[in-house]
Every structure is written in structure tokens, then in C-alpha cells.
Amino acid sequence: MNNKDNKKLAQNELLKYKLRLAALEVMRLRLQKLEDEEVQRQYEETAAAAELTRIALESLPAREQQVLDRFYINRESGHVDRLCEELGYETSNVYRMKNRALGHFAEVLFGPQP
């Protein structure tokens, strides 16, 4: 797999992170009410994926975490302008930082590319 593919996979992991956390809560509640092996299996898989994303994010510098969070996890209208203001960067620099952070995140998840 090449670096571009890994970045796309990493981007998808970030986009799914918040959804996975919500799904874990729903599955946890379902497990409390009934013993269901399929729900248990789904819970464990989702928890493992969310944990990998959390660990990979936490390994990045705080600014890179902030940028990835705003672009992929907690994206709101005006996120780029808000990041420009908070970081003191031009729009093009914010996008470069996002691409660099996504590359670092992909390297943590999938290992460095030759």
C-alpha cells in the first residue's frame, strides 16, 4: 500500500472515531440488557478500533491533534477560519498542517512508507 492509500485509510479512521465512540455506548447498554455474543464481538472490535485511533492521535503533537480533530472528528462550519485565527496561520498553512498531520497519523497507524 502506498502513502496516498494510507492517508485515505487514516482519514477514514478519523471520520469514524466519533461514531465508534457513540456506537460503543449503545452496545454497552445493549449488553447490559441481554447476553448477545454478536453484540459482544461487535463491541470488542469497535472498542479496539477506537483505542487504536485514540493512541495514534495522542502520539501526535498537540497542534496536529487539534487540526485533525477540527477537520475530521469534531468538524463544524467555519473550522478552517477558526483554526487560522487560533493558530495565527494563513488558510494555505492550515491545509498544509492538516496534510502533514494526516501523514503522521497514517504513519503511526500503518508504519512508515519506504
N, C-alpha and C. Protein backbone atom coordinates (compact mmCIF):
# COMPACT_ATOMS: atom_id res chain seq x y z
N MET A 1 0.84 -1.17 0.00
CA MET A 1 0.00 0.00 0.00
C MET A 1 0.89 1.24 0.00
N ASN A 2 0.50 2.25 -0.77
CA ASN A 2 1.34 3.44 -0.83
C ASN A 2 0.88 4.50 0.17
N ASN A 3 1.65 5.55 0.26
CA ASN A 3 1.40 6.61 1.24
C ASN A 3 0.04 7.26 1.03
N LYS A 4 -0.36 7.46 -0.22
CA LYS A 4 -1.66 8.08 -0.52
C LYS A 4 -2.80 7.19 -0.03
N ASP A 5 -2.68 5.89 -0.24
CA ASP A 5 -3.70 4.94 0.25
C ASP A 5 -3.77 4.97 1.77
N ASN A 6 -2.62 4.99 2.42
CA ASN A 6 -2.58 5.03 3.89
C ASN A 6 -3.21 6.31 4.42
N LYS A 7 -2.96 7.43 3.75
CA LYS A 7 -3.56 8.69 4.19
C LYS A 7 -5.08 8.63 4.08
N LYS A 8 -5.58 8.02 3.01
CA LYS A 8 -7.03 7.89 2.83
C LYS A 8 -7.61 6.98 3.91
N LEU A 9 -6.94 5.88 4.21
CA LEU A 9 -7.39 4.99 5.28
C LEU A 9 -7.36 5.69 6.63
N ALA A 10 -6.31 6.46 6.87
CA ALA A 10 -6.19 7.20 8.13
C ALA A 10 -7.30 8.24 8.24
N GLN A 11 -7.59 8.91 7.15
CA GLN A 11 -8.67 9.89 7.13
C GLN A 11 -10.00 9.22 7.49
N ASN A 12 -10.25 8.06 6.92
CA ASN A 12 -11.48 7.32 7.22
C ASN A 12 -11.54 6.92 8.69
N GLU A 13 -10.41 6.54 9.26
CA GLU A 13 -10.38 6.18 10.68
C GLU A 13 -10.76 7.37 11.56
N LEU A 14 -10.26 8.54 11.22
CA LEU A 14 -10.58 9.74 11.98
C LEU A 14 -12.07 10.08 11.85
N LEU A 15 -12.59 9.96 10.63
CA LEU A 15 -14.00 10.28 10.41
C LEU A 15 -14.92 9.33 11.18
N LYS A 16 -14.50 8.09 11.36
CA LYS A 16 -15.31 7.09 12.05
C LYS A 16 -15.18 7.14 13.58
N TYR A 17 -14.17 7.84 14.08
CA TYR A 17 -13.85 7.80 15.51
C TYR A 17 -15.02 8.20 16.40
N LYS A 18 -15.61 9.35 16.14
CA LYS A 18 -16.72 9.83 16.97
C LYS A 18 -17.91 8.88 16.89
N LEU A 19 -18.19 8.38 15.69
CA LEU A 19 -19.27 7.43 15.52
C LEU A 19 -19.00 6.14 16.30
N ARG A 20 -17.76 5.69 16.28
CA ARG A 20 -17.42 4.48 17.04
C ARG A 20 -17.63 4.68 18.53
N LEU A 21 -17.27 5.84 19.04
CA LEU A 21 -17.47 6.09 20.47
C LEU A 21 -18.95 6.06 20.83
N ALA A 22 -19.79 6.63 19.98
CA ALA A 22 -21.24 6.59 20.23
C ALA A 22 -21.76 5.16 20.13
N ALA A 23 -21.28 4.42 19.14
CA ALA A 23 -21.72 3.03 18.98
C ALA A 23 -21.32 2.19 20.18
N LEU A 24 -20.16 2.46 20.75
CA LEU A 24 -19.73 1.72 21.93
C LEU A 24 -20.70 1.92 23.09
N GLU A 25 -21.17 3.13 23.27
CA GLU A 25 -22.11 3.41 24.34
C GLU A 25 -23.43 2.66 24.12
N VAL A 26 -23.92 2.67 22.89
CA VAL A 26 -25.16 1.95 22.57
C VAL A 26 -24.98 0.45 22.80
N MET A 27 -23.88 -0.09 22.33
CA MET A 27 -23.63 -1.53 22.50
C MET A 27 -23.46 -1.89 23.97
N ARG A 28 -22.81 -1.02 24.73
CA ARG A 28 -22.65 -1.27 26.17
C ARG A 28 -24.01 -1.37 26.84
N LEU A 29 -24.91 -0.48 26.49
CA LEU A 29 -26.26 -0.52 27.06
C LEU A 29 -27.01 -1.78 26.63
N ARG A 30 -26.84 -2.16 25.37
CA ARG A 30 -27.49 -3.39 24.89
C ARG A 30 -26.95 -4.61 25.62
N LEU A 31 -25.65 -4.63 25.88
CA LEU A 31 -25.05 -5.76 26.56
C LEU A 31 -25.53 -5.88 28.00
N GLN A 32 -25.83 -4.75 28.62
CA GLN A 32 -26.34 -4.78 29.99
C GLN A 32 -27.71 -5.46 30.05
N LYS A 33 -28.48 -5.33 28.98
CA LYS A 33 -29.84 -5.86 28.96
C LYS A 33 -29.92 -7.31 28.53
N LEU A 34 -29.00 -7.76 27.71
CA LEU A 34 -29.05 -9.13 27.23
C LEU A 34 -27.66 -9.65 26.95
N GLU A 35 -27.54 -10.95 27.03
CA GLU A 35 -26.27 -11.60 26.71
C GLU A 35 -26.32 -11.99 25.23
N ASP A 36 -25.58 -11.27 24.42
CA ASP A 36 -25.60 -11.49 22.98
C ASP A 36 -24.15 -11.56 22.49
N GLU A 37 -23.75 -12.72 22.01
CA GLU A 37 -22.36 -12.91 21.58
C GLU A 37 -22.00 -12.01 20.41
N GLU A 38 -22.94 -11.80 19.48
CA GLU A 38 -22.66 -10.95 18.32
C GLU A 38 -22.45 -9.50 18.75
N VAL A 39 -23.27 -9.01 19.66
CA VAL A 39 -23.10 -7.65 20.16
C VAL A 39 -21.77 -7.54 20.90
N GLN A 40 -21.42 -8.56 21.66
CA GLN A 40 -20.15 -8.57 22.38
C GLN A 40 -18.97 -8.52 21.41
N ARG A 41 -19.04 -9.30 20.34
CA ARG A 41 -17.98 -9.32 19.33
C ARG A 41 -17.87 -7.94 18.66
N GLN A 42 -19.01 -7.35 18.29
CA GLN A 42 -19.01 -6.02 17.67
C GLN A 42 -18.44 -4.98 18.62
N TYR A 43 -18.81 -5.10 19.87
CA TYR A 43 -18.32 -4.15 20.88
C TYR A 43 -16.79 -4.23 20.98
N GLU A 44 -16.27 -5.43 21.05
CA GLU A 44 -14.82 -5.61 21.18
C GLU A 44 -14.07 -5.09 19.97
N GLU A 45 -14.60 -5.35 18.77
CA GLU A 45 -13.96 -4.86 17.54
C GLU A 45 -13.99 -3.33 17.48
N THR A 46 -15.13 -2.75 17.81
CA THR A 46 -15.28 -1.30 17.78
C THR A 46 -14.40 -0.64 18.83
N ALA A 47 -14.35 -1.24 20.01
CA ALA A 47 -13.51 -0.70 21.08
C ALA A 47 -12.03 -0.75 20.68
N ALA A 48 -11.61 -1.82 20.04
CA ALA A 48 -10.21 -1.94 19.61
C ALA A 48 -9.88 -0.89 18.56
N ALA A 49 -10.76 -0.68 17.60
CA ALA A 49 -10.53 0.32 16.55
C ALA A 49 -10.49 1.73 17.14
N ALA A 50 -11.40 2.03 18.06
CA ALA A 50 -11.42 3.35 18.70
C ALA A 50 -10.15 3.56 19.53
N GLU A 51 -9.69 2.53 20.20
CA GLU A 51 -8.48 2.63 21.02
C GLU A 51 -7.24 2.89 20.15
N LEU A 52 -7.16 2.22 19.00
CA LEU A 52 -6.03 2.46 18.09
C LEU A 52 -6.03 3.91 17.61
N THR A 53 -7.20 4.42 17.28
CA THR A 53 -7.30 5.81 16.83
C THR A 53 -6.89 6.75 17.95
N ARG A 54 -7.36 6.50 19.17
CA ARG A 54 -7.02 7.35 20.31
C ARG A 54 -5.51 7.35 20.56
N ILE A 55 -4.91 6.19 20.55
CA ILE A 55 -3.46 6.07 20.80
C ILE A 55 -2.67 6.80 19.71
N ALA A 56 -3.07 6.59 18.45
CA ALA A 56 -2.37 7.25 17.34
C ALA A 56 -2.50 8.76 17.45
N LEU A 57 -3.70 9.25 17.76
CA LEU A 57 -3.89 10.70 17.92
C LEU A 57 -3.04 11.26 19.05
N GLU A 58 -3.03 10.57 20.17
CA GLU A 58 -2.29 11.07 21.34
C GLU A 58 -0.79 11.05 21.14
N SER A 59 -0.31 10.31 20.15
CA SER A 59 1.13 10.28 19.88
C SER A 59 1.58 11.51 19.09
N LEU A 60 0.63 12.25 18.54
CA LEU A 60 0.95 13.43 17.73
C LEU A 60 1.11 14.67 18.61
N PRO A 61 1.84 15.66 18.11
CA PRO A 61 1.91 16.93 18.84
C PRO A 61 0.52 17.55 19.00
N ALA A 62 0.35 18.36 20.01
CA ALA A 62 -0.96 18.93 20.34
C ALA A 62 -1.58 19.69 19.17
N ARG A 63 -0.80 20.46 18.45
CA ARG A 63 -1.36 21.22 17.32
C ARG A 63 -1.86 20.29 16.22
N GLU A 64 -1.14 19.23 15.95
CA GLU A 64 -1.59 18.28 14.93
C GLU A 64 -2.87 17.59 15.39
N GLN A 65 -2.95 17.26 16.67
CA GLN A 65 -4.18 16.68 17.21
C GLN A 65 -5.35 17.64 17.02
N GLN A 66 -5.10 18.90 17.35
CA GLN A 66 -6.14 19.93 17.24
C GLN A 66 -6.64 20.05 15.80
N VAL A 67 -5.72 20.08 14.85
CA VAL A 67 -6.10 20.24 13.45
C VAL A 67 -6.89 19.02 12.97
N LEU A 68 -6.42 17.82 13.28
CA LEU A 68 -7.15 16.62 12.85
C LEU A 68 -8.52 16.53 13.52
N ASP A 69 -8.59 16.93 14.78
CA ASP A 69 -9.88 16.93 15.47
C ASP A 69 -10.87 17.85 14.76
N ARG A 70 -10.42 19.04 14.42
CA ARG A 70 -11.31 20.03 13.79
C ARG A 70 -11.69 19.63 12.37
N PHE A 71 -10.79 18.99 11.64
CA PHE A 71 -11.09 18.61 10.26
C PHE A 71 -11.93 17.34 10.18
N TYR A 72 -11.72 16.40 11.10
CA TYR A 72 -12.32 15.07 10.92
C TYR A 72 -13.24 14.61 12.05
N ILE A 73 -12.94 14.93 13.28
CA ILE A 73 -13.69 14.35 14.39
C ILE A 73 -14.81 15.27 14.86
N ASN A 74 -14.49 16.50 15.14
CA ASN A 74 -15.49 17.47 15.63
C ASN A 74 -15.59 18.65 14.66
N ARG A 75 -15.80 18.33 13.42
CA ARG A 75 -15.85 19.35 12.35
C ARG A 75 -17.12 20.19 12.47
N GLU A 76 -16.93 21.49 12.42
CA GLU A 76 -18.05 22.43 12.45
C GLU A 76 -17.89 23.42 11.32
N SER A 77 -18.96 24.08 10.98
CA SER A 77 -18.91 25.12 9.97
C SER A 77 -17.89 26.18 10.40
N GLY A 78 -17.04 26.60 9.47
CA GLY A 78 -16.04 27.61 9.77
C GLY A 78 -14.80 27.09 10.46
N HIS A 79 -14.60 25.77 10.45
CA HIS A 79 -13.46 25.20 11.18
C HIS A 79 -12.11 25.70 10.67
N VAL A 80 -11.98 25.93 9.36
CA VAL A 80 -10.70 26.39 8.83
C VAL A 80 -10.42 27.82 9.30
N ASP A 81 -11.42 28.68 9.21
CA ASP A 81 -11.24 30.06 9.68
C ASP A 81 -10.90 30.11 11.16
N ARG A 82 -11.56 29.27 11.94
CA ARG A 82 -11.31 29.22 13.37
C ARG A 82 -9.88 28.76 13.65
N LEU A 83 -9.43 27.75 12.92
CA LEU A 83 -8.05 27.29 13.09
C LEU A 83 -7.04 28.36 12.68
N CYS A 84 -7.33 29.07 11.60
CA CYS A 84 -6.43 30.16 11.17
C CYS A 84 -6.29 31.18 12.29
N GLU A 85 -7.40 31.53 12.89
CA GLU A 85 -7.38 32.52 13.97
C GLU A 85 -6.63 32.01 15.20
N GLU A 86 -6.94 30.78 15.59
CA GLU A 86 -6.33 30.21 16.80
C GLU A 86 -4.83 29.98 16.64
N LEU A 87 -4.42 29.53 15.46
CA LEU A 87 -3.02 29.18 15.24
C LEU A 87 -2.20 30.35 14.68
N GLY A 88 -2.89 31.39 14.19
CA GLY A 88 -2.19 32.51 13.59
C GLY A 88 -1.61 32.18 12.23
N TYR A 89 -2.25 31.29 11.49
CA TYR A 89 -1.77 30.85 10.18
C TYR A 89 -2.71 31.31 9.08
N GLU A 90 -2.17 31.38 7.88
CA GLU A 90 -2.98 31.60 6.68
C GLU A 90 -3.69 30.28 6.34
N THR A 91 -4.74 30.37 5.55
CA THR A 91 -5.52 29.19 5.17
C THR A 91 -4.65 28.11 4.55
N SER A 92 -3.76 28.50 3.63
CA SER A 92 -2.91 27.51 2.97
C SER A 92 -2.03 26.77 3.98
N ASN A 93 -1.56 27.48 5.00
CA ASN A 93 -0.73 26.84 6.03
C ASN A 93 -1.53 25.85 6.87
N VAL A 94 -2.79 26.18 7.15
CA VAL A 94 -3.65 25.26 7.91
C VAL A 94 -3.85 23.97 7.11
N TYR A 95 -4.09 24.10 5.81
CA TYR A 95 -4.26 22.90 4.99
C TYR A 95 -2.97 22.09 4.89
N ARG A 96 -1.83 22.77 4.81
CA ARG A 96 -0.55 22.05 4.82
C ARG A 96 -0.35 21.31 6.14
N MET A 97 -0.69 21.98 7.24
CA MET A 97 -0.57 21.34 8.55
C MET A 97 -1.51 20.13 8.64
N LYS A 98 -2.70 20.26 8.10
CA LYS A 98 -3.65 19.14 8.10
C LYS A 98 -3.08 17.96 7.33
N ASN A 99 -2.52 18.23 6.15
CA ASN A 99 -1.94 17.15 5.35
C ASN A 99 -0.74 16.51 6.03
N ARG A 100 0.09 17.33 6.66
CA ARG A 100 1.25 16.81 7.38
C ARG A 100 0.80 15.97 8.58
N ALA A 101 -0.19 16.48 9.33
CA ALA A 101 -0.71 15.75 10.49
C ALA A 101 -1.35 14.43 10.07
N LEU A 102 -2.08 14.45 8.96
CA LEU A 102 -2.70 13.23 8.47
C LEU A 102 -1.64 12.21 8.07
N GLY A 103 -0.56 12.70 7.47
CA GLY A 103 0.56 11.80 7.13
C GLY A 103 1.20 11.19 8.36
N HIS A 104 1.40 12.00 9.40
CA HIS A 104 1.97 11.48 10.65
C HIS A 104 1.02 10.47 11.29
N PHE A 105 -0.28 10.78 11.29
CA PHE A 105 -1.27 9.86 11.84
C PHE A 105 -1.26 8.54 11.08
N ALA A 106 -1.18 8.60 9.76
CA ALA A 106 -1.13 7.39 8.93
C ALA A 106 0.12 6.57 9.24
N GLU A 107 1.25 7.25 9.44
CA GLU A 107 2.49 6.53 9.77
C GLU A 107 2.37 5.80 11.09
N VAL A 108 1.73 6.42 12.06
CA VAL A 108 1.55 5.75 13.36
C VAL A 108 0.65 4.54 13.20
N LEU A 109 -0.44 4.69 12.44
CA LEU A 109 -1.38 3.57 12.27
C LEU A 109 -0.81 2.43 11.43
N PHE A 110 -0.10 2.77 10.34
CA PHE A 110 0.27 1.75 9.35
C PHE A 110 1.77 1.57 9.19
N GLY A 111 2.56 2.36 9.91
CA GLY A 111 4.01 2.26 9.79
C GLY A 111 4.51 3.18 8.68
N PRO A 112 5.78 3.57 8.76
CA PRO A 112 6.35 4.46 7.75
C PRO A 112 6.40 3.77 6.38
N GLN A 113 6.23 4.58 5.35
CA GLN A 113 6.31 4.07 3.97
C GLN A 113 7.72 4.29 3.45
N PRO A 114 8.22 3.32 2.69
CA PRO A 114 9.58 3.47 2.12
C PRO A 114 9.66 4.60 1.11
